Amino acid sequence: MAPRSETPSAGGRAEQMRERLAKKAAERTQGSPVIVSSLPDPRAVVVAGGKSMEWVLWALSALLLLVGLLYSPAPLVLCSVAHTAWFANFSRSDLAFQLRALHSVAAGLGMVPALRLPVYAALLANVAAYLALGFDLLERLLYCIPANRPENPEPLSFDFLQRLLTEPPPTKGKPFSVRAAKGGPGVGSDGFEYGTSRAERRKVR
């Protein structure tokens, strides 16, 4: 009688998934080489008061959002496109670029008078929260996309969303991430290993 093949544990499956997603993330990074090497990364440039150039750019965006609400959205659109282009110099696929591209699209939507107030008010609240507390809701929503979190491949769930919203802001210079659940994907609080794919769930029926 042939010995039964051992099924991989949930920890092994999670590790394999992390490796695959990390490999894809590395491939995307390699596919986005720096365009202008002499252009500094705003996240690494410290200006007066210990604030980074990245923080100053968001503060400028907040000011131009007020200008857009009261006068014209044109300055905000130009600033947002320039902001996005600056970060596109370093990556055209990472979370930082996606966040700024999303802001550029939202700034463009403000060119439509009927959309300007709700869109710009929401953006201003989000930017103000980041400037004051380091909390960026749009960044956290983009983190829900599996391709943006190769270090944490767990599926969307109420527990994940709760940790997403309560995760402390990252330290300066570090990208936002959510700590994986205790036990890893597919492991319940009681230690029971659940199937994490449709094929695996069929096996236990």
N, C-alpha and C. Protein backbone atom coordinates (compact mmCIF):
# COMPACT_ATOMS: atom_id res chain seq x y z
N MET A 1 0.86 -1.20 0.00
CA MET A 1 0.00 0.00 0.00
C MET A 1 0.89 1.25 0.00
N ALA A 2 0.63 2.13 -0.95
CA ALA A 2 1.48 3.32 -1.08
C ALA A 2 1.18 4.27 0.06
N PRO A 3 2.23 4.90 0.62
CA PRO A 3 2.01 5.84 1.72
C PRO A 3 1.21 7.05 1.25
N ARG A 4 0.37 7.56 2.11
CA ARG A 4 -0.42 8.74 1.77
C ARG A 4 0.46 9.97 1.78
N SER A 5 0.27 10.81 0.78
CA SER A 5 1.06 12.04 0.71
C SER A 5 0.53 13.01 1.75
N GLU A 6 1.43 13.70 2.40
CA GLU A 6 1.04 14.64 3.44
C GLU A 6 0.59 15.94 2.80
N THR A 7 -0.50 16.46 3.28
CA THR A 7 -0.97 17.75 2.79
C THR A 7 -0.21 18.85 3.50
N PRO A 8 0.13 19.93 2.79
CA PRO A 8 0.88 21.01 3.42
C PRO A 8 0.06 21.69 4.50
N SER A 9 0.70 22.11 5.55
CA SER A 9 0.01 22.80 6.64
C SER A 9 -0.40 24.19 6.18
N ALA A 10 -1.28 24.81 7.00
CA ALA A 10 -1.73 26.16 6.67
C ALA A 10 -0.56 27.13 6.66
N GLY A 11 0.40 26.91 7.59
CA GLY A 11 1.56 27.78 7.61
C GLY A 11 2.39 27.66 6.35
N GLY A 12 2.51 26.39 5.84
CA GLY A 12 3.25 26.19 4.60
C GLY A 12 2.56 26.82 3.42
N ARG A 13 1.23 26.71 3.37
CA ARG A 13 0.48 27.33 2.28
C ARG A 13 0.61 28.85 2.33
N ALA A 14 0.53 29.40 3.53
CA ALA A 14 0.65 30.86 3.68
C ALA A 14 2.03 31.33 3.23
N GLU A 15 3.06 30.57 3.60
CA GLU A 15 4.42 30.94 3.21
C GLU A 15 4.60 30.89 1.71
N GLN A 16 4.05 29.85 1.06
CA GLN A 16 4.13 29.76 -0.39
C GLN A 16 3.41 30.92 -1.06
N MET A 17 2.26 31.29 -0.51
CA MET A 17 1.51 32.40 -1.08
C MET A 17 2.28 33.71 -0.93
N ARG A 18 2.90 33.90 0.23
CA ARG A 18 3.69 35.11 0.45
C ARG A 18 4.86 35.18 -0.51
N GLU A 19 5.51 34.04 -0.75
CA GLU A 19 6.64 34.02 -1.67
C GLU A 19 6.21 34.37 -3.09
N ARG A 20 5.05 33.83 -3.51
CA ARG A 20 4.57 34.13 -4.86
C ARG A 20 4.24 35.60 -5.02
N LEU A 21 3.53 36.16 -4.03
CA LEU A 21 3.16 37.57 -4.11
C LEU A 21 4.38 38.48 -4.01
N ALA A 22 5.35 38.10 -3.17
CA ALA A 22 6.58 38.89 -3.06
C ALA A 22 7.35 38.87 -4.37
N LYS A 23 7.35 37.72 -5.05
CA LYS A 23 8.03 37.61 -6.33
C LYS A 23 7.38 38.52 -7.36
N LYS A 24 6.02 38.55 -7.36
CA LYS A 24 5.32 39.42 -8.29
C LYS A 24 5.60 40.88 -7.99
N ALA A 25 5.65 41.22 -6.70
CA ALA A 25 5.93 42.61 -6.32
C ALA A 25 7.34 43.00 -6.75
N ALA A 26 8.31 42.08 -6.59
CA ALA A 26 9.68 42.36 -7.01
C ALA A 26 9.77 42.55 -8.51
N GLU A 27 8.99 41.74 -9.26
CA GLU A 27 8.99 41.88 -10.71
C GLU A 27 8.44 43.23 -11.14
N ARG A 28 7.38 43.70 -10.44
CA ARG A 28 6.82 45.00 -10.76
C ARG A 28 7.82 46.10 -10.46
N THR A 29 8.54 45.96 -9.35
CA THR A 29 9.53 46.98 -8.99
C THR A 29 10.66 47.02 -9.99
N GLN A 30 11.12 45.83 -10.42
CA GLN A 30 12.18 45.78 -11.41
C GLN A 30 11.71 46.35 -12.74
N GLY A 31 10.41 46.25 -13.01
CA GLY A 31 9.87 46.78 -14.25
C GLY A 31 9.65 48.28 -14.20
N SER A 32 9.91 48.93 -13.04
CA SER A 32 9.74 50.37 -12.89
C SER A 32 11.06 51.00 -12.44
N PRO A 33 12.06 51.02 -13.30
CA PRO A 33 13.34 51.60 -12.91
C PRO A 33 13.24 53.12 -12.74
N VAL A 34 14.15 53.68 -11.96
CA VAL A 34 14.18 55.12 -11.77
C VAL A 34 14.48 55.80 -13.09
N ILE A 35 13.70 56.83 -13.42
CA ILE A 35 13.86 57.51 -14.71
C ILE A 35 14.96 58.55 -14.63
N VAL A 36 14.86 59.43 -13.62
CA VAL A 36 15.87 60.49 -13.43
C VAL A 36 16.55 60.23 -12.09
N SER A 37 17.75 59.72 -12.13
CA SER A 37 18.45 59.34 -10.89
C SER A 37 18.82 60.54 -10.03
N SER A 38 18.95 61.72 -10.63
CA SER A 38 19.34 62.90 -9.85
C SER A 38 18.17 63.52 -9.10
N LEU A 39 16.94 63.07 -9.39
CA LEU A 39 15.76 63.62 -8.72
C LEU A 39 15.61 62.96 -7.35
N PRO A 40 15.59 63.74 -6.26
CA PRO A 40 15.51 63.14 -4.92
C PRO A 40 14.12 62.60 -4.62
N ASP A 41 14.08 61.59 -3.78
CA ASP A 41 12.81 61.02 -3.32
C ASP A 41 12.24 61.95 -2.24
N PRO A 42 11.03 62.48 -2.41
CA PRO A 42 10.46 63.42 -1.42
C PRO A 42 10.37 62.82 -0.02
N ARG A 43 10.24 61.50 0.07
CA ARG A 43 10.13 60.85 1.37
C ARG A 43 11.43 60.89 2.15
N ALA A 44 12.55 61.09 1.43
CA ALA A 44 13.86 61.08 2.07
C ALA A 44 14.42 62.48 2.29
N VAL A 45 13.74 63.51 1.78
CA VAL A 45 14.21 64.89 1.91
C VAL A 45 13.54 65.53 3.12
N VAL A 46 14.34 65.96 4.08
CA VAL A 46 13.83 66.60 5.30
C VAL A 46 13.99 68.11 5.16
N VAL A 47 12.91 68.84 5.41
CA VAL A 47 12.94 70.29 5.32
C VAL A 47 12.80 70.87 6.72
N ALA A 48 12.48 72.16 6.80
CA ALA A 48 12.40 72.84 8.09
C ALA A 48 11.37 72.18 9.01
N GLY A 49 11.70 72.14 10.29
CA GLY A 49 10.78 71.58 11.27
C GLY A 49 10.80 70.07 11.34
N GLY A 50 11.73 69.44 10.65
CA GLY A 50 11.82 67.99 10.66
C GLY A 50 10.79 67.30 9.79
N LYS A 51 10.01 68.06 9.05
CA LYS A 51 9.01 67.48 8.16
C LYS A 51 9.67 67.09 6.84
N SER A 52 9.15 66.02 6.25
CA SER A 52 9.68 65.58 4.97
C SER A 52 9.05 66.37 3.83
N MET A 53 9.69 66.33 2.68
CA MET A 53 9.14 66.99 1.50
C MET A 53 7.79 66.39 1.14
N GLU A 54 7.63 65.09 1.41
CA GLU A 54 6.34 64.44 1.16
C GLU A 54 5.24 65.12 1.96
N TRP A 55 5.49 65.41 3.24
CA TRP A 55 4.51 66.08 4.10
C TRP A 55 4.20 67.47 3.56
N VAL A 56 5.24 68.18 3.11
CA VAL A 56 5.05 69.54 2.57
C VAL A 56 4.18 69.50 1.31
N LEU A 57 4.39 68.49 0.48
CA LEU A 57 3.59 68.38 -0.74
C LEU A 57 2.12 68.13 -0.41
N TRP A 58 1.85 67.33 0.61
CA TRP A 58 0.46 67.11 1.02
C TRP A 58 -0.13 68.37 1.64
N ALA A 59 0.69 69.13 2.38
CA ALA A 59 0.21 70.40 2.95
C ALA A 59 -0.15 71.38 1.82
N LEU A 60 0.66 71.39 0.78
CA LEU A 60 0.36 72.24 -0.38
C LEU A 60 -0.93 71.78 -1.05
N SER A 61 -1.13 70.47 -1.13
CA SER A 61 -2.37 69.94 -1.71
C SER A 61 -3.59 70.38 -0.90
N ALA A 62 -3.45 70.37 0.44
CA ALA A 62 -4.56 70.80 1.29
C ALA A 62 -4.90 72.27 1.04
N LEU A 63 -3.86 73.09 0.90
CA LEU A 63 -4.08 74.51 0.62
C LEU A 63 -4.77 74.70 -0.73
N LEU A 64 -4.31 73.96 -1.73
CA LEU A 64 -4.90 74.10 -3.06
C LEU A 64 -6.31 73.49 -3.13
N LEU A 65 -6.61 72.54 -2.26
CA LEU A 65 -7.98 72.05 -2.18
C LEU A 65 -8.92 73.16 -1.71
N LEU A 66 -8.46 73.96 -0.75
CA LEU A 66 -9.26 75.10 -0.30
C LEU A 66 -9.41 76.11 -1.43
N VAL A 67 -8.32 76.34 -2.16
CA VAL A 67 -8.38 77.25 -3.31
C VAL A 67 -9.38 76.73 -4.35
N GLY A 68 -9.34 75.41 -4.56
CA GLY A 68 -10.26 74.81 -5.52
C GLY A 68 -11.71 74.93 -5.10
N LEU A 69 -11.97 74.80 -3.80
CA LEU A 69 -13.34 74.92 -3.31
C LEU A 69 -13.85 76.36 -3.39
N LEU A 70 -12.95 77.32 -3.20
CA LEU A 70 -13.37 78.72 -3.15
C LEU A 70 -13.24 79.44 -4.48
N TYR A 71 -12.26 79.02 -5.30
CA TYR A 71 -12.00 79.76 -6.53
C TYR A 71 -11.94 78.84 -7.75
N SER A 72 -10.75 78.28 -8.01
CA SER A 72 -10.57 77.49 -9.22
C SER A 72 -9.84 76.19 -8.91
N PRO A 73 -10.22 75.08 -9.55
CA PRO A 73 -9.54 73.81 -9.32
C PRO A 73 -8.27 73.64 -10.14
N ALA A 74 -8.00 74.56 -11.05
CA ALA A 74 -6.86 74.40 -11.96
C ALA A 74 -5.52 74.26 -11.22
N PRO A 75 -5.21 75.10 -10.21
CA PRO A 75 -3.92 74.92 -9.51
C PRO A 75 -3.78 73.56 -8.85
N LEU A 76 -4.87 73.04 -8.28
CA LEU A 76 -4.82 71.73 -7.64
C LEU A 76 -4.55 70.64 -8.66
N VAL A 77 -5.21 70.72 -9.82
CA VAL A 77 -5.01 69.71 -10.86
C VAL A 77 -3.55 69.70 -11.30
N LEU A 78 -2.98 70.87 -11.54
CA LEU A 78 -1.59 70.95 -11.98
C LEU A 78 -0.65 70.42 -10.91
N CYS A 79 -0.90 70.79 -9.64
CA CYS A 79 -0.04 70.32 -8.54
C CYS A 79 -0.16 68.81 -8.38
N SER A 80 -1.37 68.27 -8.49
CA SER A 80 -1.57 66.84 -8.31
C SER A 80 -0.87 66.04 -9.41
N VAL A 81 -0.94 66.52 -10.63
CA VAL A 81 -0.27 65.83 -11.74
C VAL A 81 1.25 65.87 -11.54
N ALA A 82 1.78 67.04 -11.12
CA ALA A 82 3.22 67.15 -10.87
C ALA A 82 3.65 66.25 -9.71
N HIS A 83 2.82 66.21 -8.67
CA HIS A 83 3.07 65.35 -7.51
C HIS A 83 3.14 63.88 -7.93
N THR A 84 2.18 63.47 -8.75
CA THR A 84 2.15 62.09 -9.24
C THR A 84 3.35 61.79 -10.12
N ALA A 85 3.69 62.73 -11.00
CA ALA A 85 4.83 62.54 -11.91
C ALA A 85 6.14 62.40 -11.13
N TRP A 86 6.27 63.16 -10.04
CA TRP A 86 7.49 63.08 -9.22
C TRP A 86 7.65 61.67 -8.65
N PHE A 87 6.55 61.12 -8.12
CA PHE A 87 6.64 59.77 -7.55
C PHE A 87 6.72 58.69 -8.63
N ALA A 88 6.20 59.00 -9.82
CA ALA A 88 6.29 58.04 -10.93
C ALA A 88 7.74 57.86 -11.36
N ASN A 89 8.60 58.82 -11.00
CA ASN A 89 10.03 58.69 -11.32
C ASN A 89 10.64 57.48 -10.63
N PHE A 90 10.07 57.09 -9.49
CA PHE A 90 10.64 55.99 -8.69
C PHE A 90 9.88 54.68 -8.87
N SER A 91 8.58 54.74 -9.10
CA SER A 91 7.78 53.53 -9.35
C SER A 91 6.47 53.94 -10.00
N ARG A 92 6.03 53.11 -10.95
CA ARG A 92 4.75 53.34 -11.60
C ARG A 92 3.72 52.31 -11.18
N SER A 93 3.97 51.64 -10.07
CA SER A 93 3.04 50.59 -9.64
C SER A 93 2.87 50.48 -8.13
N ASP A 94 3.74 51.10 -7.33
CA ASP A 94 3.65 50.90 -5.89
C ASP A 94 2.50 51.70 -5.29
N LEU A 95 2.28 51.49 -4.00
CA LEU A 95 1.15 52.10 -3.31
C LEU A 95 1.25 53.62 -3.30
N ALA A 96 2.45 54.16 -3.14
CA ALA A 96 2.64 55.61 -3.10
C ALA A 96 2.22 56.25 -4.43
N PHE A 97 2.60 55.62 -5.54
CA PHE A 97 2.22 56.15 -6.85
C PHE A 97 0.71 56.03 -7.06
N GLN A 98 0.13 54.88 -6.70
CA GLN A 98 -1.31 54.68 -6.88
C GLN A 98 -2.11 55.72 -6.10
N LEU A 99 -1.66 56.03 -4.89
CA LEU A 99 -2.35 57.01 -4.06
C LEU A 99 -2.36 58.38 -4.73
N ARG A 100 -1.23 58.79 -5.26
CA ARG A 100 -1.14 60.10 -5.90
C ARG A 100 -1.87 60.15 -7.25
N ALA A 101 -1.85 59.02 -7.95
CA ALA A 101 -2.61 58.95 -9.19
C ALA A 101 -4.11 59.08 -8.91
N LEU A 102 -4.54 58.45 -7.82
CA LEU A 102 -5.95 58.55 -7.42
C LEU A 102 -6.31 59.98 -7.07
N HIS A 103 -5.42 60.68 -6.39
CA HIS A 103 -5.65 62.10 -6.06
C HIS A 103 -5.74 62.94 -7.33
N SER A 104 -4.90 62.63 -8.32
CA SER A 104 -4.93 63.38 -9.57
C SER A 104 -6.26 63.20 -10.29
N VAL A 105 -6.75 61.97 -10.30
CA VAL A 105 -8.05 61.69 -10.93
C VAL A 105 -9.17 62.43 -10.19
N ALA A 106 -9.13 62.38 -8.85
CA ALA A 106 -10.15 63.07 -8.06
C ALA A 106 -10.07 64.58 -8.27
N ALA A 107 -8.84 65.11 -8.37
CA ALA A 107 -8.69 66.55 -8.63
C ALA A 107 -9.30 66.91 -9.98
N GLY A 108 -9.11 66.02 -10.97
CA GLY A 108 -9.70 66.26 -12.28
C GLY A 108 -11.22 66.22 -12.25
N LEU A 109 -11.78 65.34 -11.41
CA LEU A 109 -13.24 65.28 -11.28
C LEU A 109 -13.80 66.59 -10.74
N GLY A 110 -12.98 67.31 -9.98
CA GLY A 110 -13.42 68.58 -9.44
C GLY A 110 -13.61 69.65 -10.51
N MET A 111 -13.16 69.38 -11.72
CA MET A 111 -13.41 70.32 -12.81
C MET A 111 -14.90 70.36 -13.16
N VAL A 112 -15.61 69.31 -12.77
CA VAL A 112 -17.07 69.28 -12.96
C VAL A 112 -17.70 69.98 -11.76
N PRO A 113 -18.37 71.11 -11.95
CA PRO A 113 -18.89 71.89 -10.81
C PRO A 113 -19.75 71.09 -9.84
N ALA A 114 -20.57 70.19 -10.36
CA ALA A 114 -21.47 69.44 -9.48
C ALA A 114 -20.73 68.47 -8.57
N LEU A 115 -19.53 68.05 -8.98
CA LEU A 115 -18.76 67.08 -8.20
C LEU A 115 -17.72 67.75 -7.30
N ARG A 116 -17.46 69.00 -7.52
CA ARG A 116 -16.33 69.66 -6.85
C ARG A 116 -16.47 69.64 -5.33
N LEU A 117 -17.60 70.06 -4.81
CA LEU A 117 -17.75 70.16 -3.36
C LEU A 117 -17.61 68.81 -2.66
N PRO A 118 -18.35 67.77 -3.05
CA PRO A 118 -18.22 66.49 -2.32
C PRO A 118 -16.84 65.85 -2.50
N VAL A 119 -16.28 65.92 -3.70
CA VAL A 119 -14.98 65.28 -3.94
C VAL A 119 -13.87 66.01 -3.21
N TYR A 120 -13.82 67.33 -3.34
CA TYR A 120 -12.74 68.09 -2.70
C TYR A 120 -12.88 68.11 -1.19
N ALA A 121 -14.11 68.11 -0.67
CA ALA A 121 -14.29 68.07 0.78
C ALA A 121 -13.79 66.74 1.34
N ALA A 122 -14.07 65.65 0.63
CA ALA A 122 -13.60 64.34 1.08
C ALA A 122 -12.07 64.27 1.02
N LEU A 123 -11.48 64.78 -0.06
CA LEU A 123 -10.02 64.78 -0.18
C LEU A 123 -9.38 65.64 0.90
N LEU A 124 -9.97 66.78 1.17
CA LEU A 124 -9.41 67.69 2.18
C LEU A 124 -9.45 67.03 3.56
N ALA A 125 -10.54 66.34 3.89
CA ALA A 125 -10.62 65.65 5.18
C ALA A 125 -9.57 64.56 5.27
N ASN A 126 -9.35 63.84 4.18
CA ASN A 126 -8.35 62.76 4.18
C ASN A 126 -6.94 63.31 4.33
N VAL A 127 -6.63 64.37 3.59
CA VAL A 127 -5.29 64.97 3.67
C VAL A 127 -5.06 65.59 5.05
N ALA A 128 -6.09 66.24 5.60
CA ALA A 128 -5.95 66.84 6.94
C ALA A 128 -5.68 65.77 7.99
N ALA A 129 -6.35 64.62 7.87
CA ALA A 129 -6.12 63.52 8.81
C ALA A 129 -4.69 63.00 8.70
N TYR A 130 -4.17 62.95 7.47
CA TYR A 130 -2.78 62.50 7.30
C TYR A 130 -1.80 63.51 7.89
N LEU A 131 -2.02 64.79 7.62
CA LEU A 131 -1.10 65.81 8.12
C LEU A 131 -1.08 65.88 9.65
N ALA A 132 -2.25 65.69 10.26
CA ALA A 132 -2.35 65.81 11.71
C ALA A 132 -2.01 64.51 12.45
N LEU A 133 -2.44 63.38 11.89
CA LEU A 133 -2.33 62.11 12.62
C LEU A 133 -1.52 61.05 11.89
N GLY A 134 -1.19 61.29 10.62
CA GLY A 134 -0.49 60.26 9.84
C GLY A 134 -1.44 59.18 9.34
N PHE A 135 -2.75 59.42 9.44
CA PHE A 135 -3.76 58.43 9.04
C PHE A 135 -4.28 58.79 7.66
N ASP A 136 -4.09 57.89 6.68
CA ASP A 136 -4.53 58.11 5.31
C ASP A 136 -5.51 57.01 4.93
N LEU A 137 -6.81 57.34 4.90
CA LEU A 137 -7.83 56.34 4.62
C LEU A 137 -7.72 55.80 3.20
N LEU A 138 -7.43 56.66 2.23
CA LEU A 138 -7.32 56.19 0.85
C LEU A 138 -6.17 55.20 0.69
N GLU A 139 -5.06 55.46 1.37
CA GLU A 139 -3.93 54.54 1.32
C GLU A 139 -4.31 53.18 1.89
N ARG A 140 -5.08 53.19 2.96
CA ARG A 140 -5.49 51.94 3.60
C ARG A 140 -6.48 51.17 2.72
N LEU A 141 -7.34 51.89 2.01
CA LEU A 141 -8.27 51.23 1.10
C LEU A 141 -7.51 50.60 -0.08
N LEU A 142 -6.51 51.29 -0.59
CA LEU A 142 -5.70 50.72 -1.67
C LEU A 142 -4.93 49.50 -1.19
N TYR A 143 -4.59 49.49 0.10
CA TYR A 143 -3.86 48.34 0.66
C TYR A 143 -4.70 47.07 0.63
N CYS A 144 -6.03 47.21 0.53
CA CYS A 144 -6.90 46.03 0.48
C CYS A 144 -6.68 45.22 -0.79
N ILE A 145 -6.15 45.84 -1.84
CA ILE A 145 -5.89 45.12 -3.09
C ILE A 145 -4.76 44.13 -2.84
N PRO A 146 -4.98 42.83 -3.09
CA PRO A 146 -3.95 41.82 -2.76
C PRO A 146 -2.58 42.12 -3.36
N ALA A 147 -2.52 42.66 -4.55
CA ALA A 147 -1.23 42.94 -5.19
C ALA A 147 -0.45 44.01 -4.45
N ASN A 148 -1.12 44.82 -3.62
CA ASN A 148 -0.45 45.89 -2.88
C ASN A 148 0.06 45.44 -1.52
N ARG A 149 -0.17 44.18 -1.16
CA ARG A 149 0.25 43.70 0.16
C ARG A 149 0.82 42.28 0.06
N PRO A 150 1.93 42.10 -0.65
CA PRO A 150 2.51 40.75 -0.78
C PRO A 150 2.95 40.16 0.55
N GLU A 151 3.19 41.01 1.55
CA GLU A 151 3.63 40.50 2.85
C GLU A 151 2.46 40.00 3.70
N ASN A 152 1.22 40.26 3.24
CA ASN A 152 0.05 39.86 4.02
C ASN A 152 -1.05 39.39 3.06
N PRO A 153 -1.01 38.11 2.65
CA PRO A 153 -1.96 37.61 1.65
C PRO A 153 -3.30 37.14 2.19
N GLU A 154 -3.59 37.45 3.45
CA GLU A 154 -4.84 36.95 4.01
C GLU A 154 -6.05 37.55 3.29
N PRO A 155 -7.16 36.80 3.20
CA PRO A 155 -8.35 37.31 2.50
C PRO A 155 -9.04 38.42 3.28
N LEU A 156 -9.84 39.19 2.56
CA LEU A 156 -10.61 40.24 3.21
C LEU A 156 -11.61 39.64 4.18
N SER A 157 -11.69 40.21 5.35
CA SER A 157 -12.63 39.75 6.36
C SER A 157 -12.90 40.90 7.31
N PHE A 158 -13.88 40.73 8.18
CA PHE A 158 -14.17 41.78 9.15
C PHE A 158 -12.97 42.02 10.05
N ASP A 159 -12.30 40.94 10.45
CA ASP A 159 -11.13 41.07 11.31
C ASP A 159 -10.01 41.84 10.61
N PHE A 160 -9.80 41.52 9.32
CA PHE A 160 -8.76 42.22 8.57
C PHE A 160 -9.10 43.71 8.44
N LEU A 161 -10.34 44.04 8.11
CA LEU A 161 -10.73 45.44 7.97
C LEU A 161 -10.63 46.19 9.29
N GLN A 162 -10.92 45.50 10.38
CA GLN A 162 -10.79 46.12 11.69
C GLN A 162 -9.33 46.46 11.98
N ARG A 163 -8.44 45.52 11.69
CA ARG A 163 -7.01 45.80 11.89
C ARG A 163 -6.50 46.83 10.90
N LEU A 164 -7.08 46.86 9.71
CA LEU A 164 -6.69 47.85 8.70
C LEU A 164 -6.95 49.27 9.21
N LEU A 165 -8.10 49.47 9.85
CA LEU A 165 -8.48 50.79 10.31
C LEU A 165 -7.83 51.19 11.62
N THR A 166 -7.41 50.21 12.41
CA THR A 166 -6.83 50.52 13.72
C THR A 166 -5.30 50.40 13.74
N GLU A 167 -4.72 49.99 12.63
CA GLU A 167 -3.25 49.88 12.57
C GLU A 167 -2.62 51.26 12.77
N PRO A 168 -1.63 51.38 13.66
CA PRO A 168 -0.98 52.68 13.86
C PRO A 168 -0.30 53.15 12.58
N PRO A 169 -0.16 54.46 12.39
CA PRO A 169 0.54 54.97 11.22
C PRO A 169 1.97 54.43 11.16
N PRO A 170 2.49 54.21 9.98
CA PRO A 170 3.86 53.66 9.87
C PRO A 170 4.89 54.68 10.34
N THR A 171 6.04 54.19 10.74
CA THR A 171 7.13 55.09 11.10
C THR A 171 7.62 55.82 9.86
N LYS A 172 8.29 56.92 10.09
CA LYS A 172 8.73 57.77 8.98
C LYS A 172 9.59 56.99 7.99
N GLY A 173 9.22 57.09 6.72
CA GLY A 173 9.99 56.43 5.67
C GLY A 173 9.58 55.00 5.38
N LYS A 174 8.65 54.45 6.19
CA LYS A 174 8.22 53.07 6.00
C LYS A 174 6.84 53.05 5.33
N PRO A 175 6.59 52.09 4.41
CA PRO A 175 5.27 52.00 3.79
C PRO A 175 4.25 51.44 4.77
N PHE A 176 3.00 51.77 4.54
CA PHE A 176 1.93 51.25 5.40
C PHE A 176 1.75 49.75 5.18
N SER A 177 1.51 49.03 6.27
CA SER A 177 1.22 47.59 6.18
C SER A 177 0.41 47.19 7.41
N VAL A 178 -0.28 46.06 7.28
CA VAL A 178 -1.09 45.53 8.37
C VAL A 178 -0.48 44.22 8.83
N ARG A 179 -0.32 44.07 10.11
CA ARG A 179 0.23 42.84 10.66
C ARG A 179 -0.73 41.67 10.40
N ALA A 180 -0.16 40.55 10.02
CA ALA A 180 -0.98 39.37 9.74
C ALA A 180 -1.67 38.90 11.01
N ALA A 181 -2.82 38.25 10.84
CA ALA A 181 -3.57 37.74 11.99
C ALA A 181 -2.78 36.65 12.70
N LYS A 182 -3.01 36.52 13.99
CA LYS A 182 -2.34 35.48 14.75
C LYS A 182 -2.74 34.11 14.21
N GLY A 183 -1.77 33.24 14.01
CA GLY A 183 -2.05 31.93 13.46
C GLY A 183 -1.93 31.87 11.97
N GLY A 184 -1.94 33.04 11.29
CA GLY A 184 -1.78 33.07 9.85
C GLY A 184 -3.05 32.73 9.13
N PRO A 185 -3.08 32.93 7.79
CA PRO A 185 -4.25 32.63 7.01
C PRO A 185 -4.64 31.17 7.12
N GLY A 186 -5.94 30.90 7.28
CA GLY A 186 -6.43 29.54 7.31
C GLY A 186 -6.38 28.88 8.66
N VAL A 187 -5.95 29.60 9.69
CA VAL A 187 -5.87 29.03 11.04
C VAL A 187 -6.80 29.81 11.95
N GLY A 188 -7.76 29.12 12.54
CA GLY A 188 -8.70 29.78 13.44
C GLY A 188 -8.07 30.07 14.78
N SER A 189 -8.83 30.79 15.62
CA SER A 189 -8.31 31.14 16.94
C SER A 189 -8.11 29.91 17.81
N ASP A 190 -8.82 28.80 17.48
CA ASP A 190 -8.66 27.58 18.25
C ASP A 190 -7.58 26.67 17.70
N GLY A 191 -6.89 27.11 16.65
CA GLY A 191 -5.81 26.33 16.08
C GLY A 191 -6.24 25.41 14.96
N PHE A 192 -7.55 25.29 14.69
CA PHE A 192 -8.01 24.41 13.62
C PHE A 192 -7.63 25.01 12.28
N GLU A 193 -7.12 24.18 11.35
CA GLU A 193 -6.68 24.64 10.05
C GLU A 193 -7.82 24.53 9.05
N TYR A 194 -8.19 25.67 8.50
CA TYR A 194 -9.26 25.70 7.52
C TYR A 194 -8.67 25.74 6.11
N GLY A 195 -9.40 25.19 5.13
CA GLY A 195 -8.97 25.27 3.74
C GLY A 195 -9.04 26.71 3.27
N THR A 196 -8.00 27.19 2.60
CA THR A 196 -7.98 28.57 2.13
C THR A 196 -8.28 28.69 0.66
N SER A 197 -8.49 27.59 -0.04
CA SER A 197 -8.87 27.62 -1.45
C SER A 197 -10.07 26.71 -1.65
N ARG A 198 -10.74 26.86 -2.80
CA ARG A 198 -11.92 26.04 -3.06
C ARG A 198 -11.56 24.55 -3.11
N ALA A 199 -10.41 24.23 -3.74
CA ALA A 199 -10.00 22.83 -3.84
C ALA A 199 -9.73 22.23 -2.47
N GLU A 200 -9.11 23.01 -1.58
CA GLU A 200 -8.79 22.51 -0.25
C GLU A 200 -10.05 22.32 0.58
N ARG A 201 -11.03 23.20 0.39
CA ARG A 201 -12.28 23.06 1.14
C ARG A 201 -13.05 21.83 0.70
N ARG A 202 -12.94 21.48 -0.61
CA ARG A 202 -13.61 20.27 -1.10
C ARG A 202 -13.05 19.02 -0.43
N LYS A 203 -11.73 19.02 -0.13
CA LYS A 203 -11.07 17.85 0.44
C LYS A 203 -11.63 17.48 1.81
N VAL A 204 -12.07 18.49 2.56
CA VAL A 204 -12.50 18.22 3.93
C VAL A 204 -13.99 17.96 4.04
N ARG A 205 -14.70 17.99 2.93
CA ARG A 205 -16.13 17.72 2.96
C ARG A 205 -16.42 16.23 3.02
